Amino acid sequence: MTADLEDEHRYRLAIRATEPDDGRELVRRIQRAPETISARTVETGDDLEGEFVEWVPGTVLVIERDGDLHPFPAGREPIRVGDRIHAIGVPDELAAL
């Protein structure tokens, strides 16, 4: 069987679980949901600079700031220059992001 594999190609091993689990169910639901995830880095003069997380279109899942991850930030957390924001929402909502 390994003789069929070619050196110049990359392969990914996938194993199916014998029983469904919560992780697989979560992935299945995300794949079928109308929402999507978008990311954006805030730059100087950006509309989001100084705004609160709760004012960001969609729902902010995580902020990457100074090499640290801040999951589910508080609504009153201010957005700073250099922050990378990851938000989930419907495409129309995230178009403003």
C-alpha atoms as a PDB file:
ATOM      1  CA  MET A   1       0.000   0.000   0.000  1.00  0.00           C
ATOM      2  CA  THR A   2       2.772   2.518   0.821  1.00  0.00           C
ATOM      3  CA  ALA A   3       4.345   1.736  -2.550  1.00  0.00           C
ATOM      4  CA  ASP A   4       1.417   3.661  -4.098  1.00  0.00           C
ATOM      5  CA  LEU A   5       2.414   6.900  -2.330  1.00  0.00           C
ATOM      6  CA  GLU A   6       4.539   9.353  -4.273  1.00  0.00           C
ATOM      7  CA  ASP A   7       7.311  11.397  -2.622  1.00  0.00           C
ATOM      8  CA  GLU A   8       6.434  14.665  -4.379  1.00  0.00           C
ATOM      9  CA  HIS A   9       2.838  14.679  -3.089  1.00  0.00           C
ATOM     10  CA  ARG A  10       1.501  15.583   0.342  1.00  0.00           C
ATOM     11  CA  TYR A  11      -1.038  13.310   1.983  1.00  0.00           C
ATOM     12  CA  ARG A  12      -3.394  13.731   4.906  1.00  0.00           C
ATOM     13  CA  LEU A  13      -4.459  10.820   7.069  1.00  0.00           C
ATOM     14  CA  ALA A  14      -8.109  10.924   8.076  1.00  0.00           C
ATOM     15  CA  ILE A  15      -9.678   8.547  10.545  1.00  0.00           C
ATOM     16  CA  ARG A  16     -13.405   8.259  11.006  1.00  0.00           C
ATOM     17  CA  ALA A  17     -14.679   7.931  14.541  1.00  0.00           C
ATOM     18  CA  THR A  18     -16.666   4.760  15.129  1.00  0.00           C
ATOM     19  CA  GLU A  19     -19.185   6.717  17.201  1.00  0.00           C
ATOM     20  CA  PRO A  20     -20.312  10.342  16.805  1.00  0.00           C
ATOM     21  CA  ASP A  21     -18.942  12.765  19.364  1.00  0.00           C
ATOM     22  CA  ASP A  22     -19.547  16.400  20.308  1.00  0.00           C
ATOM     23  CA  GLY A  23     -16.577  17.672  18.279  1.00  0.00           C
ATOM     24  CA  ARG A  24     -17.842  16.100  15.072  1.00  0.00           C
ATOM     25  CA  GLU A  25     -21.330  17.424  15.759  1.00  0.00           C
ATOM     26  CA  LEU A  26     -19.973  20.950  16.283  1.00  0.00           C
ATOM     27  CA  VAL A  27     -18.050  20.825  12.991  1.00  0.00           C
ATOM     28  CA  ARG A  28     -21.120  19.509  11.173  1.00  0.00           C
ATOM     29  CA  ARG A  29     -23.273  22.344  12.511  1.00  0.00           C
ATOM     30  CA  ILE A  30     -20.689  25.010  11.684  1.00  0.00           C
ATOM     31  CA  GLN A  31     -20.422  23.725   8.123  1.00  0.00           C
ATOM     32  CA  ARG A  32     -24.191  23.986   7.651  1.00  0.00           C
ATOM     33  CA  ALA A  33     -24.716  27.312   9.438  1.00  0.00           C
ATOM     34  CA  PRO A  34     -25.298  30.514   7.452  1.00  0.00           C
ATOM     35  CA  GLU A  35     -22.721  32.316   9.595  1.00  0.00           C
ATOM     36  CA  THR A  36     -19.086  32.667   8.647  1.00  0.00           C
ATOM     37  CA  ILE A  37     -15.930  33.794  10.444  1.00  0.00           C
ATOM     38  CA  SER A  38     -13.954  36.830   9.390  1.00  0.00           C
ATOM     39  CA  ALA A  39     -10.703  38.296  10.698  1.00  0.00           C
ATOM     40  CA  ARG A  40      -9.321  41.809  10.461  1.00  0.00           C
ATOM     41  CA  THR A  41      -6.267  43.583  11.827  1.00  0.00           C
ATOM     42  CA  VAL A  42      -6.939  47.092  13.140  1.00  0.00           C
ATOM     43  CA  GLU A  43      -4.599  49.754  11.783  1.00  0.00           C
ATOM     44  CA  THR A  44      -3.983  53.385  12.764  1.00  0.00           C
ATOM     45  CA  GLY A  45      -6.953  55.536  11.751  1.00  0.00           C
ATOM     46  CA  ASP A  46      -9.175  52.478  11.293  1.00  0.00           C
ATOM     47  CA  ASP A  47     -12.897  52.929  12.032  1.00  0.00           C
ATOM     48  CA  LEU A  48     -12.657  50.251  14.733  1.00  0.00           C
ATOM     49  CA  GLU A  49      -9.785  51.921  16.627  1.00  0.00           C
ATOM     50  CA  GLY A  50     -11.097  52.849  20.090  1.00  0.00           C
ATOM     51  CA  GLU A  51     -14.513  51.239  19.573  1.00  0.00           C
ATOM     52  CA  PHE A  52     -15.886  48.740  22.063  1.00  0.00           C
ATOM     53  CA  VAL A  53     -16.093  45.034  21.196  1.00  0.00           C
ATOM     54  CA  GLU A  54     -19.887  45.144  21.500  1.00  0.00           C
ATOM     55  CA  TRP A  55     -20.012  47.680  18.638  1.00  0.00           C
ATOM     56  CA  VAL A  56     -18.169  45.383  16.202  1.00  0.00           C
ATOM     57  CA  PRO A  57     -20.472  43.811  13.577  1.00  0.00           C
ATOM     58  CA  GLY A  58     -21.161  40.163  14.354  1.00  0.00           C
ATOM     59  CA  THR A  59     -19.887  38.502  17.511  1.00  0.00           C
ATOM     60  CA  VAL A  60     -16.214  38.840  18.422  1.00  0.00           C
ATOM     61  CA  LEU A  61     -14.874  35.392  19.251  1.00  0.00           C
ATOM     62  CA  VAL A  62     -11.273  36.298  19.999  1.00  0.00           C
ATOM     63  CA  ILE A  63      -8.832  39.202  19.894  1.00  0.00           C
ATOM     64  CA  GLU A  64      -5.173  38.546  19.144  1.00  0.00           C
ATOM     65  CA  ARG A  65      -3.242  41.249  20.997  1.00  0.00           C
ATOM     66  CA  ASP A  66       0.516  41.445  21.576  1.00  0.00           C
ATOM     67  CA  GLY A  67       0.931  37.724  20.952  1.00  0.00           C
ATOM     68  CA  ASP A  68      -1.840  36.748  23.376  1.00  0.00           C
ATOM     69  CA  LEU A  69      -5.317  35.417  22.642  1.00  0.00           C
ATOM     70  CA  HIS A  70      -8.319  36.968  24.418  1.00  0.00           C
ATOM     71  CA  PRO A  71     -11.330  34.705  23.801  1.00  0.00           C
ATOM     72  CA  PHE A  72     -14.855  36.092  24.152  1.00  0.00           C
ATOM     73  CA  PRO A  73     -13.740  39.598  25.197  1.00  0.00           C
ATOM     74  CA  ALA A  74     -16.075  41.721  27.316  1.00  0.00           C
ATOM     75  CA  GLY A  75     -18.393  44.045  25.410  1.00  0.00           C
ATOM     76  CA  ARG A  76     -16.751  47.148  26.886  1.00  0.00           C
ATOM     77  CA  GLU A  77     -13.224  46.044  25.887  1.00  0.00           C
ATOM     78  CA  PRO A  78     -11.761  48.764  23.639  1.00  0.00           C
ATOM     79  CA  ILE A  79     -10.272  47.801  20.283  1.00  0.00           C
ATOM     80  CA  ARG A  80      -6.626  48.864  19.850  1.00  0.00           C
ATOM     81  CA  VAL A  81      -4.348  49.411  16.884  1.00  0.00           C
ATOM     82  CA  GLY A  82      -2.630  46.113  16.080  1.00  0.00           C
ATOM     83  CA  ASP A  83      -5.479  43.959  17.390  1.00  0.00           C
ATOM     84  CA  ARG A  84      -6.531  41.113  15.106  1.00  0.00           C
ATOM     85  CA  ILE A  85     -10.246  40.557  15.583  1.00  0.00           C
ATOM     86  CA  HIS A  86     -11.979  37.274  14.731  1.00  0.00           C
ATOM     87  CA  ALA A  87     -15.764  37.613  14.498  1.00  0.00           C
ATOM     88  CA  ILE A  88     -18.623  35.331  13.513  1.00  0.00           C
ATOM     89  CA  GLY A  89     -21.798  36.473  11.801  1.00  0.00           C
ATOM     90  CA  VAL A  90     -23.819  36.320   8.620  1.00  0.00           C
ATOM     91  CA  PRO A  91     -21.999  37.628   5.526  1.00  0.00           C
ATOM     92  CA  ASP A  92     -24.074  40.841   5.317  1.00  0.00           C
ATOM     93  CA  GLU A  93     -23.215  41.627   8.930  1.00  0.00           C
ATOM     94  CA  LEU A  94     -19.499  40.986   8.475  1.00  0.00           C
ATOM     95  CA  ALA A  95     -19.274  43.000   5.244  1.00  0.00           C
ATOM     96  CA  ALA A  96     -19.011  46.098   7.458  1.00  0.00           C
ATOM     97  CA  LEU A  97     -16.096  44.518   9.324  1.00  0.00           C
END
